[in-house]
Amino acid sequence: MAIQRFGCGARLSEAVVANGFVFLSGMVPEQGDDITAQTADVLRQIDDWLAQCGSDKSHIVEATIFLADMADYAGMNAAWDAWVDAANSPARACVEAKLAQAEWRVEIKVLALVRG
């Protein structure tokens, strides 16, 4: 079984494709100050990495969302609901967690299938 790695660094790969699955690392915002803008930025990154790996958001089977503060839940969902493929919504969990950078309000990790 071949394993493909994308966006490789010494510490992690941004994405790994193995056995028909796309595993994305936790994506964090590169821009945006409020939760909705940060979430939209993370979702844009997810779209980009999935495309590089031969997949798309309609093939996401699982998403885990980490929020620095659960008070941001509604604002995160505003961006999520505008983005998610409602006909193919993934299994999803959302938890509060201390994120690695104080300015990050959201981190999202997804598992998807390669388009077949």
C-alpha atoms as a PDB file:
ATOM      1  CA  MET A   1       0.000   0.000   0.000  1.00  0.00           C
ATOM      2  CA  ALA A   2       1.435   3.341  -1.070  1.00  0.00           C
ATOM      3  CA  ILE A   3       1.390   6.307   1.265  1.00  0.00           C
ATOM      4  CA  GLN A   4       1.500   9.815  -0.177  1.00  0.00           C
ATOM      5  CA  ARG A   5       2.463  12.781   1.971  1.00  0.00           C
ATOM      6  CA  PHE A   6       1.683  16.408   1.131  1.00  0.00           C
ATOM      7  CA  GLY A   7       3.073  19.571   2.698  1.00  0.00           C
ATOM      8  CA  CYS A   8       5.803  17.618   4.462  1.00  0.00           C
ATOM      9  CA  GLY A   9       7.912  19.109   7.189  1.00  0.00           C
ATOM     10  CA  ALA A  10      10.217  17.705   9.838  1.00  0.00           C
ATOM     11  CA  ARG A  11       7.385  17.649  12.389  1.00  0.00           C
ATOM     12  CA  LEU A  12       4.301  16.793  10.338  1.00  0.00           C
ATOM     13  CA  SER A  13       2.669  16.446   6.958  1.00  0.00           C
ATOM     14  CA  GLU A  14      -0.314  18.671   6.215  1.00  0.00           C
ATOM     15  CA  ALA A  15      -2.044  15.722   4.525  1.00  0.00           C
ATOM     16  CA  VAL A  16      -1.497  11.997   4.107  1.00  0.00           C
ATOM     17  CA  VAL A  17      -3.265   9.755   1.607  1.00  0.00           C
ATOM     18  CA  ALA A  18      -3.340   6.038   2.412  1.00  0.00           C
ATOM     19  CA  ASN A  19      -5.665   3.178   1.531  1.00  0.00           C
ATOM     20  CA  GLY A  20      -8.217   5.492  -0.110  1.00  0.00           C
ATOM     21  CA  PHE A  21      -8.377   7.903   2.822  1.00  0.00           C
ATOM     22  CA  VAL A  22      -7.187  11.500   3.140  1.00  0.00           C
ATOM     23  CA  PHE A  23      -6.014  12.425   6.625  1.00  0.00           C
ATOM     24  CA  LEU A  24      -5.568  16.158   7.176  1.00  0.00           C
ATOM     25  CA  SER A  25      -3.599  17.625  10.041  1.00  0.00           C
ATOM     26  CA  GLY A  26      -5.411  20.072  12.246  1.00  0.00           C
ATOM     27  CA  MET A  27      -5.860  23.208  10.150  1.00  0.00           C
ATOM     28  CA  VAL A  28      -5.510  26.537  11.956  1.00  0.00           C
ATOM     29  CA  PRO A  29      -6.308  30.052  10.748  1.00  0.00           C
ATOM     30  CA  GLU A  30      -3.773  32.008   8.738  1.00  0.00           C
ATOM     31  CA  GLN A  31      -5.941  35.134   8.802  1.00  0.00           C
ATOM     32  CA  GLY A  32      -9.037  36.599  10.400  1.00  0.00           C
ATOM     33  CA  ASP A  33      -9.714  38.077  13.797  1.00  0.00           C
ATOM     34  CA  ASP A  34     -13.190  36.839  14.681  1.00  0.00           C
ATOM     35  CA  ILE A  35     -14.317  33.231  14.885  1.00  0.00           C
ATOM     36  CA  THR A  36     -16.398  33.319  11.705  1.00  0.00           C
ATOM     37  CA  ALA A  37     -13.526  34.715   9.613  1.00  0.00           C
ATOM     38  CA  GLN A  38     -11.024  32.306  11.155  1.00  0.00           C
ATOM     39  CA  THR A  39     -13.331  29.347  10.541  1.00  0.00           C
ATOM     40  CA  ALA A  40     -13.903  30.399   6.915  1.00  0.00           C
ATOM     41  CA  ASP A  41     -10.125  30.627   6.444  1.00  0.00           C
ATOM     42  CA  VAL A  42      -9.602  27.132   7.894  1.00  0.00           C
ATOM     43  CA  LEU A  43     -12.359  25.713   5.674  1.00  0.00           C
ATOM     44  CA  ARG A  44     -10.697  27.315   2.621  1.00  0.00           C
ATOM     45  CA  GLN A  45      -7.465  25.558   3.566  1.00  0.00           C
ATOM     46  CA  ILE A  46      -9.307  22.267   3.946  1.00  0.00           C
ATOM     47  CA  ASP A  47     -10.772  22.699   0.453  1.00  0.00           C
ATOM     48  CA  ASP A  48      -7.279  23.387  -0.933  1.00  0.00           C
ATOM     49  CA  TRP A  49      -5.612  20.378   0.714  1.00  0.00           C
ATOM     50  CA  LEU A  50      -8.448  18.028  -0.193  1.00  0.00           C
ATOM     51  CA  ALA A  51      -8.218  19.130  -3.834  1.00  0.00           C
ATOM     52  CA  GLN A  52      -4.457  18.449  -3.842  1.00  0.00           C
ATOM     53  CA  CYS A  53      -5.191  14.972  -2.488  1.00  0.00           C
ATOM     54  CA  GLY A  54      -7.902  14.109  -5.021  1.00  0.00           C
ATOM     55  CA  SER A  55     -10.880  14.717  -2.766  1.00  0.00           C
ATOM     56  CA  ASP A  56     -13.391  17.412  -1.799  1.00  0.00           C
ATOM     57  CA  LYS A  57     -15.708  18.355   1.056  1.00  0.00           C
ATOM     58  CA  SER A  58     -18.468  16.027  -0.173  1.00  0.00           C
ATOM     59  CA  HIS A  59     -16.108  13.136   0.630  1.00  0.00           C
ATOM     60  CA  ILE A  60     -15.382  14.151   4.244  1.00  0.00           C
ATOM     61  CA  VAL A  61     -16.519  11.362   6.545  1.00  0.00           C
ATOM     62  CA  GLU A  62     -15.448  12.846   9.874  1.00  0.00           C
ATOM     63  CA  ALA A  63     -14.582  16.283  11.253  1.00  0.00           C
ATOM     64  CA  THR A  64     -13.275  17.257  14.658  1.00  0.00           C
ATOM     65  CA  ILE A  65     -13.491  20.929  15.579  1.00  0.00           C
ATOM     66  CA  PHE A  66     -11.494  22.409  18.432  1.00  0.00           C
ATOM     67  CA  LEU A  67     -12.629  25.780  19.791  1.00  0.00           C
ATOM     68  CA  ALA A  68     -10.585  27.858  22.213  1.00  0.00           C
ATOM     69  CA  ASP A  69     -13.885  28.993  23.746  1.00  0.00           C
ATOM     70  CA  MET A  70     -17.273  27.292  23.343  1.00  0.00           C
ATOM     71  CA  ALA A  71     -18.812  30.783  23.365  1.00  0.00           C
ATOM     72  CA  ASP A  72     -17.630  30.858  19.712  1.00  0.00           C
ATOM     73  CA  TYR A  73     -19.814  27.861  18.769  1.00  0.00           C
ATOM     74  CA  ALA A  74     -22.517  29.899  16.973  1.00  0.00           C
ATOM     75  CA  GLY A  75     -19.977  31.995  15.063  1.00  0.00           C
ATOM     76  CA  MET A  76     -18.053  28.888  13.981  1.00  0.00           C
ATOM     77  CA  ASN A  77     -21.314  27.238  12.879  1.00  0.00           C
ATOM     78  CA  ALA A  78     -22.203  30.310  10.772  1.00  0.00           C
ATOM     79  CA  ALA A  79     -19.103  29.693   8.624  1.00  0.00           C
ATOM     80  CA  TRP A  80     -19.463  25.889   8.762  1.00  0.00           C
ATOM     81  CA  ASP A  81     -23.126  25.910   7.698  1.00  0.00           C
ATOM     82  CA  ALA A  82     -22.342  28.202   4.733  1.00  0.00           C
ATOM     83  CA  TRP A  83     -19.550  25.844   3.628  1.00  0.00           C
ATOM     84  CA  VAL A  84     -20.573  22.249   4.396  1.00  0.00           C
ATOM     85  CA  ASP A  85     -22.143  20.081   1.680  1.00  0.00           C
ATOM     86  CA  ALA A  86     -25.530  19.624   3.385  1.00  0.00           C
ATOM     87  CA  ALA A  87     -26.312  16.579   1.227  1.00  0.00           C
ATOM     88  CA  ASN A  88     -23.088  14.916   2.427  1.00  0.00           C
ATOM     89  CA  SER A  89     -22.523  16.246   5.934  1.00  0.00           C
ATOM     90  CA  PRO A  90     -19.838  14.365   7.878  1.00  0.00           C
ATOM     91  CA  ALA A  91     -19.905  12.904  11.351  1.00  0.00           C
ATOM     92  CA  ARG A  92     -18.703  15.766  13.536  1.00  0.00           C
ATOM     93  CA  ALA A  93     -17.494  16.523  17.038  1.00  0.00           C
ATOM     94  CA  CYS A  94     -16.799  19.939  18.524  1.00  0.00           C
ATOM     95  CA  VAL A  95     -14.855  20.381  21.744  1.00  0.00           C
ATOM     96  CA  GLU A  96     -13.263  23.184  23.706  1.00  0.00           C
ATOM     97  CA  ALA A  97      -9.471  22.966  23.855  1.00  0.00           C
ATOM     98  CA  LYS A  98      -6.492  25.142  24.644  1.00  0.00           C
ATOM     99  CA  LEU A  99      -4.945  25.783  21.220  1.00  0.00           C
ATOM    100  CA  ALA A 100      -1.216  26.180  20.590  1.00  0.00           C
ATOM    101  CA  GLN A 101      -1.379  29.903  19.725  1.00  0.00           C
ATOM    102  CA  ALA A 102      -3.421  32.394  21.752  1.00  0.00           C
ATOM    103  CA  GLU A 103      -4.702  34.147  18.607  1.00  0.00           C
ATOM    104  CA  TRP A 104      -6.165  30.933  17.171  1.00  0.00           C
ATOM    105  CA  ARG A 105      -9.830  30.496  18.014  1.00  0.00           C
ATOM    106  CA  VAL A 106     -10.432  27.340  15.949  1.00  0.00           C
ATOM    107  CA  GLU A 107      -8.652  24.256  14.641  1.00  0.00           C
ATOM    108  CA  ILE A 108     -10.328  21.675  12.408  1.00  0.00           C
ATOM    109  CA  LYS A 109      -9.169  18.160  11.531  1.00  0.00           C
ATOM    110  CA  VAL A 110     -10.907  16.058   8.880  1.00  0.00           C
ATOM    111  CA  LEU A 111     -10.810  12.570   7.440  1.00  0.00           C
ATOM    112  CA  ALA A 112     -12.065  12.130   3.875  1.00  0.00           C
ATOM    113  CA  LEU A 113     -12.222   9.539   1.125  1.00  0.00           C
ATOM    114  CA  VAL A 114     -10.328   9.985  -2.109  1.00  0.00           C
ATOM    115  CA  ARG A 115     -12.822  10.624  -4.937  1.00  0.00           C
ATOM    116  CA  GLY A 116     -13.454   7.366  -6.716  1.00  0.00           C
END
